[in-house]
Amino acid sequence: MNDKCQQPLLPIRIGQGIDAHPFVPGRPLVLGGVRIEHDQGLAAHSDGDVVIHALCDALLGAAALGDIGNWFPDHEDQYAGIDSRILLRRVMGTLGERGLVVGNADLTIVAQRPKLAPYRAAMTEVLAADLRCPMEQVNVKATTTERMGFAGRGEGIVAFAVVILTGS
């Protein structure tokens, strides 16, 4: 029971996350932990993986643990250029310590370019491994905005994540 509201805690927790970064030349493009063939990468303090950043925010939100900026501040040198999979694994370690596991994760990538369909299976496999769950519990999809907005003009990429956690 939660003493403040006198309601039993739900065994299911839902979280959502969003992240967006602009394209910049001279960096690799990494999405969902997979290197994507493209002429530009995403500007960021870390590797710029908007998919994993949105996913971390969704996981932390579902667990009521703040957000990725609190956990991995972009002004700290230790996170400069870091592989976002390391951040995701740290988040999952914290969730595991609290008895929380992923029920499912649904991710949407919004990008006019590059085409992401050839990379979806690899992203699903990588993310499921880091989330410590079967691939059937991870869904990665991509869409465009029909050339509207910054993603539609090819200026960057945005990602959305929704997760369900189960446990204590």
Protein backbone atom coordinates (compact mmCIF):
# COMPACT_ATOMS: atom_id res chain seq x y z
CA MET A 1 0.00 0.00 0.00
CA ASN A 2 1.09 3.51 -0.68
CA ASP A 3 0.49 5.43 2.56
CA LYS A 4 -0.12 8.73 0.78
CA CYS A 5 -3.03 7.61 -1.38
CA GLN A 6 -4.09 4.39 0.39
CA GLN A 7 -4.13 2.50 -2.91
CA PRO A 8 -2.23 -0.72 -3.62
CA LEU A 9 0.69 -0.22 -5.98
CA LEU A 10 -0.06 -1.53 -9.44
CA PRO A 11 2.09 -4.40 -10.69
CA ILE A 12 2.16 -2.70 -14.11
CA ARG A 13 3.93 0.59 -14.75
CA ILE A 14 3.76 2.52 -18.03
CA GLY A 15 6.35 5.00 -19.23
CA GLN A 16 6.85 7.09 -22.34
CA GLY A 17 9.89 8.84 -23.73
CA ILE A 18 10.84 11.09 -26.62
CA ASP A 19 14.15 12.30 -27.99
CA ALA A 20 15.24 14.29 -31.03
CA HIS A 21 18.58 15.34 -32.46
CA PRO A 22 19.65 17.21 -35.59
CA PHE A 23 21.91 15.72 -38.25
CA VAL A 24 25.56 16.77 -38.41
CA PRO A 25 28.28 15.69 -40.82
CA GLY A 26 31.25 13.62 -39.69
CA ARG A 27 29.49 11.36 -37.19
CA PRO A 28 28.19 7.83 -37.57
CA LEU A 29 24.43 7.34 -37.38
CA VAL A 30 23.44 4.92 -34.62
CA LEU A 31 19.81 4.04 -33.95
CA GLY A 32 18.60 1.35 -31.58
CA GLY A 33 22.19 0.30 -31.00
CA VAL A 34 22.76 -0.40 -34.71
CA ARG A 35 25.03 1.54 -37.03
CA ILE A 36 23.00 2.84 -39.98
CA GLU A 37 24.56 3.63 -43.35
CA HIS A 38 24.05 7.35 -43.87
CA ASP A 39 26.08 10.41 -44.81
CA GLN A 40 25.45 12.11 -41.44
CA GLY A 41 25.08 11.26 -37.79
CA LEU A 42 23.19 12.95 -34.99
CA ALA A 43 24.56 15.82 -32.91
CA ALA A 44 24.77 14.90 -29.23
CA HIS A 45 27.06 14.71 -26.22
CA SER A 46 26.82 10.89 -26.41
CA ASP A 47 26.56 8.82 -29.60
CA GLY A 48 23.21 10.50 -30.33
CA ASP A 49 21.10 7.33 -30.40
CA VAL A 50 17.65 8.93 -30.12
CA VAL A 51 15.96 5.51 -29.99
CA ILE A 52 17.84 4.39 -26.89
CA HIS A 53 17.55 7.83 -25.30
CA ALA A 54 13.76 7.80 -25.69
CA LEU A 55 13.72 4.21 -24.41
CA CYS A 56 15.78 5.11 -21.31
CA ASP A 57 13.40 7.98 -20.58
CA ALA A 58 10.40 5.68 -20.91
CA LEU A 59 11.96 3.08 -18.60
CA LEU A 60 12.98 5.65 -16.00
CA GLY A 61 9.56 7.28 -16.21
CA ALA A 62 7.74 3.99 -15.70
CA ALA A 63 9.86 3.37 -12.61
CA ALA A 64 9.34 6.98 -11.37
CA LEU A 65 13.11 7.52 -11.43
CA GLY A 66 13.36 10.81 -13.29
CA ASP A 67 14.87 11.07 -16.74
CA ILE A 68 18.01 10.38 -18.73
CA GLY A 69 19.31 13.91 -18.21
CA ASN A 70 19.30 13.42 -14.44
CA TRP A 71 21.05 10.06 -14.66
CA PHE A 72 23.56 10.88 -17.41
CA PRO A 73 24.06 14.68 -17.59
CA ASP A 74 25.32 16.00 -20.92
CA HIS A 75 27.79 18.30 -19.18
CA GLU A 76 29.76 15.42 -17.64
CA ASP A 77 32.86 14.35 -19.57
CA GLN A 78 32.38 10.68 -18.69
CA TYR A 79 29.37 10.58 -21.04
CA ALA A 80 31.04 12.33 -23.99
CA GLY A 81 30.69 10.06 -27.01
CA ILE A 82 29.43 7.15 -24.86
CA ASP A 83 27.70 4.22 -26.50
CA SER A 84 24.04 4.64 -25.51
CA ARG A 85 23.74 0.88 -25.02
CA ILE A 86 25.92 1.32 -21.94
CA LEU A 87 23.39 3.83 -20.59
CA LEU A 88 20.51 1.47 -21.34
CA ARG A 89 22.25 -1.41 -19.57
CA ARG A 90 22.82 0.79 -16.51
CA VAL A 91 19.13 1.75 -16.45
CA MET A 92 18.17 -1.91 -16.73
CA GLY A 93 20.52 -2.79 -13.88
CA THR A 94 18.79 -0.23 -11.68
CA LEU A 95 15.35 -1.53 -12.66
CA GLY A 96 16.47 -5.10 -11.94
CA GLU A 97 17.61 -4.06 -8.47
CA ARG A 98 14.07 -2.79 -7.89
CA GLY A 99 12.45 -5.99 -9.13
CA LEU A 100 11.15 -4.46 -12.35
CA VAL A 101 11.21 -6.21 -15.72
CA VAL A 102 10.13 -5.16 -19.20
CA GLY A 103 6.68 -6.35 -20.22
CA ASN A 104 7.03 -4.76 -23.64
CA ALA A 105 8.59 -1.84 -25.47
CA ASP A 106 7.10 -0.10 -28.49
CA LEU A 107 9.38 2.30 -30.36
CA THR A 108 8.64 4.67 -33.23
CA ILE A 109 11.38 6.38 -35.24
CA VAL A 110 10.40 9.42 -37.30
CA ALA A 111 12.82 10.09 -40.15
CA GLN A 112 12.40 11.10 -43.76
CA ARG A 113 15.78 9.59 -44.46
CA PRO A 114 17.49 7.19 -44.36
CA LYS A 115 15.11 4.32 -44.97
CA LEU A 116 15.14 2.20 -41.82
CA ALA A 117 13.19 -0.94 -42.77
CA PRO A 118 16.40 -2.93 -43.49
CA TYR A 119 17.64 -2.27 -39.93
CA ARG A 120 14.50 -2.96 -37.88
CA ALA A 121 15.24 -6.62 -37.16
CA ALA A 122 18.78 -5.86 -36.01
CA MET A 123 17.53 -3.05 -33.76
CA THR A 124 14.91 -5.34 -32.26
CA GLU A 125 17.51 -8.00 -31.54
CA VAL A 126 19.98 -5.56 -29.94
CA LEU A 127 17.32 -3.83 -27.85
CA ALA A 128 15.75 -7.07 -26.64
CA ALA A 129 19.17 -8.27 -25.47
CA ASP A 130 19.80 -5.06 -23.52
CA LEU A 131 16.24 -5.02 -22.16
CA ARG A 132 16.68 -8.64 -21.00
CA CYS A 133 13.48 -9.76 -22.69
CA PRO A 134 12.41 -11.87 -25.68
CA MET A 135 12.40 -10.18 -29.08
CA GLU A 136 8.63 -10.70 -29.21
CA GLN A 137 8.31 -8.06 -26.48
CA VAL A 138 10.08 -5.34 -28.50
CA ASN A 139 8.55 -3.56 -31.47
CA VAL A 140 10.51 -1.13 -33.63
CA LYS A 141 8.77 0.81 -36.36
CA ALA A 142 9.69 3.74 -38.56
CA THR A 143 7.64 6.38 -40.27
CA THR A 144 7.99 9.71 -42.02
CA THR A 145 6.12 12.97 -41.58
CA GLU A 146 5.53 13.30 -45.33
CA ARG A 147 8.22 16.00 -45.49
CA MET A 148 6.63 18.13 -42.73
CA GLY A 149 8.65 19.50 -39.79
CA PHE A 150 12.37 19.14 -39.07
CA ALA A 151 12.37 15.35 -39.48
CA GLY A 152 10.39 15.62 -42.70
CA ARG A 153 12.86 18.14 -44.09
CA GLY A 154 15.68 15.70 -43.35
CA GLU A 155 17.21 17.89 -40.64
CA GLY A 156 17.19 15.22 -37.92
CA ILE A 157 15.43 12.28 -36.33
CA VAL A 158 12.95 11.93 -33.49
CA ALA A 159 12.08 8.77 -31.58
CA PHE A 160 9.18 7.88 -29.29
CA ALA A 161 9.11 5.01 -26.80
CA VAL A 162 6.39 3.46 -24.69
CA VAL A 163 7.16 0.70 -22.19
CA ILE A 164 5.35 -1.44 -19.70
CA LEU A 165 7.25 -2.64 -16.66
CA THR A 166 6.03 -5.35 -14.35
CA GLY A 167 7.12 -6.27 -10.86
CA SER A 168 7.21 -4.54 -7.50
